[in-house]
Protein backbone atom coordinates (compact mmCIF):
# COMPACT_ATOMS: atom_id res chain seq x y z
CA MET A 1 44.76 64.48 107.06
CA ARG A 2 46.73 62.31 109.47
CA ASP A 3 48.95 59.55 108.16
CA TYR A 4 47.34 56.32 109.35
CA ILE A 5 49.08 53.03 108.76
CA GLN A 6 46.91 50.33 107.19
CA PRO A 7 45.10 48.59 110.06
CA ILE A 8 45.70 44.97 110.94
CA ALA A 9 43.00 42.30 110.76
CA ALA A 10 40.30 42.53 113.40
CA THR A 11 41.60 39.51 115.31
CA LEU A 12 45.01 41.11 115.60
CA LEU A 13 43.49 44.36 116.82
CA LEU A 14 41.65 42.41 119.51
CA ALA A 15 44.89 40.79 120.54
CA ALA A 16 46.56 44.18 120.66
CA ALA A 17 43.87 45.48 122.96
CA CYS A 18 44.58 42.59 125.30
CA THR A 19 48.30 43.30 125.14
CA ALA A 20 47.89 47.02 125.75
CA PHE A 21 45.17 47.01 128.37
CA GLY A 22 44.81 43.47 129.75
CA ALA A 23 46.58 42.24 132.87
CA GLY A 24 49.59 40.56 131.31
CA GLY A 25 48.14 40.21 127.80
CA GLY A 26 47.83 36.81 126.17
CA SER A 27 44.53 35.03 125.68
CA MET A 28 41.27 36.48 126.94
CA PRO A 29 38.37 34.51 128.47
CA SER A 30 35.15 34.36 126.49
CA THR A 31 31.66 33.24 127.46
CA GLY A 32 31.57 29.52 127.91
CA SER A 33 35.11 28.78 126.71
CA MET A 34 38.65 30.09 126.28
CA HIS A 35 39.75 31.27 122.85
CA SER A 36 43.41 31.88 122.13
CA THR A 37 44.15 35.03 120.15
CA PRO A 38 47.02 35.21 117.67
CA SER A 39 50.16 36.72 119.12
CA LEU A 40 51.27 40.01 117.65
CA THR A 41 54.72 40.71 116.38
CA PRO A 42 56.38 43.87 117.74
CA GLN A 43 55.81 45.52 114.35
CA GLU A 44 52.10 44.72 114.46
CA GLN A 45 51.81 46.03 118.00
CA ALA A 46 53.61 49.19 116.89
CA ARG A 47 51.03 49.75 114.17
CA VAL A 48 48.21 49.53 116.70
CA PHE A 49 49.86 52.01 119.05
CA TYR A 50 50.65 54.30 116.13
CA ASN A 51 47.07 54.40 114.84
CA ASP A 52 45.75 54.95 118.37
CA GLY A 53 48.22 57.82 118.67
CA VAL A 54 46.99 59.37 115.44
CA SER A 55 43.40 59.31 116.73
CA ALA A 56 44.51 60.94 120.00
CA LEU A 57 46.50 63.51 118.08
CA GLU A 58 43.51 64.56 116.00
CA LYS A 59 41.55 65.18 119.20
CA ALA A 60 44.45 67.17 120.65
CA ASP A 61 44.66 69.37 117.55
CA ALA A 62 40.90 69.96 117.68
CA LEU A 63 41.15 71.02 121.33
CA SER A 64 44.08 73.30 120.53
CA ALA A 65 42.12 74.92 117.69
CA ASP A 66 39.14 75.36 120.00
CA ALA A 67 41.34 77.10 122.57
CA ALA A 68 42.63 79.50 119.94
CA HIS A 69 39.07 80.62 119.20
CA GLN A 70 37.99 81.10 122.80
CA ASP A 71 37.38 84.69 123.91
CA ASP A 72 36.88 83.76 127.55
CA ALA A 73 40.24 83.34 129.32
CA LYS A 74 39.02 80.59 131.66
CA LYS A 75 37.50 78.57 128.83
CA GLN A 76 40.66 79.03 126.78
CA GLN A 77 42.86 77.80 129.62
CA LYS A 78 40.60 74.81 130.16
CA ALA A 79 40.78 73.89 126.46
CA LEU A 80 44.56 74.34 126.46
CA SER A 81 44.88 72.09 129.49
CA LYS A 82 42.80 69.40 127.77
CA ALA A 83 44.88 69.76 124.60
CA LYS A 84 48.12 69.41 126.57
CA SER A 85 46.81 66.24 128.20
CA ALA A 86 45.75 64.85 124.83
CA TYR A 87 49.13 65.64 123.24
CA THR A 88 50.87 63.93 126.14
CA GLY A 89 48.70 60.85 125.74
CA ALA A 90 49.30 60.74 121.99
CA MET A 91 53.04 61.16 122.47
CA LYS A 92 53.16 58.17 124.82
CA LYS A 93 51.50 56.01 122.18
CA PHE A 94 53.96 57.11 119.51
CA ILE A 95 56.87 56.46 121.86
CA ARG A 96 55.49 52.96 122.47
CA ALA A 97 55.30 52.47 118.71
CA THR A 98 58.92 53.50 118.19
CA GLY A 99 60.01 51.27 121.06
CA LEU A 100 58.36 48.28 119.41
CA ASP A 101 59.45 49.21 115.89
CA PRO A 102 62.38 51.68 115.85
CA SER A 103 62.21 51.81 112.04
CA MET A 104 58.72 53.37 112.00
CA TYR A 105 59.62 56.83 110.71
CA GLN A 106 56.00 58.01 110.79
CA ALA A 107 55.87 57.45 114.54
CA TRP A 108 59.17 59.28 115.06
CA ASN A 109 57.71 62.18 113.10
CA TYR A 110 54.74 62.37 115.46
CA VAL A 111 56.95 61.99 118.52
CA GLY A 112 58.49 65.19 117.22
CA TYR A 113 55.14 66.83 116.52
CA THR A 114 53.70 66.13 119.96
CA ASN A 115 56.88 67.23 121.71
CA ARG A 116 56.82 70.47 119.74
CA LYS A 117 53.20 71.09 120.67
CA LEU A 118 54.18 70.60 124.31
CA GLY A 119 57.08 73.05 123.96
CA ASN A 120 59.80 70.39 124.13
CA TYR A 121 61.75 71.66 121.12
CA PRO A 122 65.07 69.83 121.61
CA ALA A 123 63.24 66.50 121.93
CA ALA A 124 61.13 67.40 118.90
CA LEU A 125 64.18 68.11 116.74
CA GLU A 126 65.82 64.87 117.83
CA ALA A 127 62.71 62.90 116.82
CA TYR A 128 62.42 64.68 113.45
CA ASP A 129 66.07 63.90 112.79
CA ARG A 130 65.40 60.23 113.55
CA ALA A 131 62.49 60.21 111.10
CA LEU A 132 64.57 61.84 108.37
CA LYS A 133 67.48 59.49 108.97
CA LEU A 134 65.11 56.57 108.41
CA LYS A 135 63.41 58.22 105.43
CA PRO A 136 65.53 60.97 103.86
CA GLY A 137 63.44 63.66 102.21
CA TYR A 138 60.31 62.83 104.24
CA ALA A 139 58.38 66.03 103.50
CA GLU A 140 56.11 65.98 106.55
CA ALA A 141 59.08 65.78 108.91
CA ILE A 142 60.87 68.55 107.02
CA GLU A 143 57.83 70.81 107.40
CA TYR A 144 57.29 70.03 111.07
CA ARG A 145 60.97 70.51 111.79
CA GLY A 146 60.71 73.88 110.07
CA HIS A 147 58.00 74.86 112.55
CA ALA A 148 60.28 73.78 115.39
CA TYR A 149 63.08 75.93 114.01
CA LEU A 150 60.69 78.88 114.01
CA GLY A 151 59.80 78.16 117.62
CA LEU A 152 63.49 78.33 118.48
CA ASN A 153 64.08 81.43 116.31
CA ARG A 154 66.50 79.41 114.18
CA LEU A 155 65.52 81.33 111.07
CA PRO A 156 68.20 80.22 108.56
CA GLU A 157 67.29 76.57 109.18
CA ALA A 158 63.59 77.37 108.83
CA GLN A 159 64.35 79.08 105.51
CA GLU A 160 66.30 76.06 104.32
CA ALA A 161 63.37 73.80 105.23
CA TYR A 162 61.01 76.00 103.22
CA LEU A 163 63.24 76.00 100.14
CA THR A 164 63.55 72.22 100.30
CA LEU A 165 59.77 71.87 100.47
CA PHE A 166 59.18 74.43 97.73
CA ALA A 167 61.26 72.31 95.39
CA GLY A 168 59.34 69.12 96.13
CA ASN A 169 56.06 69.70 97.96
CA ARG A 170 54.35 73.04 97.35
CA LYS A 171 51.42 72.31 99.65
CA LEU A 172 53.60 71.75 102.71
CA ALA A 173 55.83 74.64 101.68
CA ALA A 174 52.77 76.91 101.72
CA GLN A 175 51.87 75.73 105.22
CA LEU A 176 55.35 76.50 106.50
CA LEU A 177 55.32 79.87 104.76
CA SER A 178 52.04 80.69 106.49
CA ALA A 179 53.66 79.86 109.85
CA MET A 180 56.54 82.15 108.91
CA GLN A 181 54.12 84.99 108.22
CA THR A 182 52.54 84.40 111.63
CA TRP A 183 55.99 84.43 113.24
CA VAL A 184 56.75 87.80 111.63
CA GLY A 185 53.48 89.26 112.89
CA GLU A 186 54.14 88.05 116.43
CA HIS A 187 57.77 89.19 116.58
CA ARG A 188 57.39 92.63 115.06
CA GLY A 189 55.59 93.82 118.15
CA ALA A 190 57.58 91.73 120.62
CA PRO A 191 60.90 90.45 119.25
CA ALA A 192 61.32 87.94 122.12
CA GLY A 193 65.03 87.36 121.86
CA VAL A 194 65.41 88.40 118.22
CA ASP A 195 66.66 91.86 117.33
CA GLY A 196 64.46 94.10 115.22
CA ALA A 197 66.82 94.10 112.24
CA THR A 198 66.72 90.29 112.08
CA VAL A 199 62.95 90.29 112.25
CA GLU A 200 62.68 92.80 109.40
CA ALA A 201 65.22 90.96 107.26
CA PHE A 202 63.27 87.74 107.74
CA ALA A 203 60.00 89.56 107.03
CA SER A 204 61.45 90.81 103.74
CA TRP A 205 62.54 87.29 102.80
CA VAL A 206 59.10 85.89 103.64
CA SER A 207 57.45 88.59 101.54
CA GLU A 208 59.71 87.82 98.58
CA ARG A 209 59.01 84.10 98.86
CA SER A 210 55.26 84.76 99.04
CA THR A 211 55.49 86.75 95.79
CA ILE A 212 57.52 84.03 94.09
CA ALA A 213 55.09 81.36 95.24
CA SER A 214 52.12 83.35 93.91
CA GLN A 215 53.80 83.99 90.58
CA THR A 216 54.79 80.35 90.22
CA ALA A 217 51.27 79.20 91.04
CA SER A 218 49.88 81.60 88.43
CA LEU A 219 52.27 80.32 85.77
CA THR A 220 51.37 76.75 86.64
CA ARG A 221 47.65 77.49 86.27
CA GLU A 222 48.26 79.23 82.94
CA GLY A 223 50.30 76.29 81.73
CA ALA A 224 47.56 73.86 82.72
CA SER A 225 44.92 75.96 80.95
CA ALA A 226 47.02 76.10 77.80
CA THR A 227 46.98 72.32 77.48
CA TRP A 228 43.21 72.26 76.96
């Protein structure tokens, strides 16, 4: 589930719409009279752009998932093109949010996410680093950065990200481990810049971590059952 920031009051949202889409912002004419709308602080405007970005990002992810399930090449390409456009639109909103409120670590995290989805890995890593500088230990940024490391074949850093998550957030650790398993499957047949020995060594590590995770989960369940 996406990380929305608590919405502002309806009047502020209306003012934000004027700021974002009106010609020059400010007050907006109404039938019969002029009503002034409360001015938004930069932080409030950032929240509006951020939440709009989250909505756009959900649509982009849905389009990307749809493309992955398409058997027809033309339909798949069309869905991918729509997803790329949606990711670009979402990224622009998150960038606006960080411009208005540079301390919004959630927006920096999604600047990283959208850049990664668009294949802009250096920009993604820079954004994740900004998020983690603002909020050290931010698990979502650690996981997403781990995916970026995989995309760049920076395996030791991806492993470090997994171990950090395993110690503090097993759910996100499992998601990163799943991505690692996918990476192994893709690179065993076509190493793509990684030698076979490195791929197999990483595959062995991933297998070991999968076993440890399963055993730990089993012990946790047994411990929970024993308390009843």
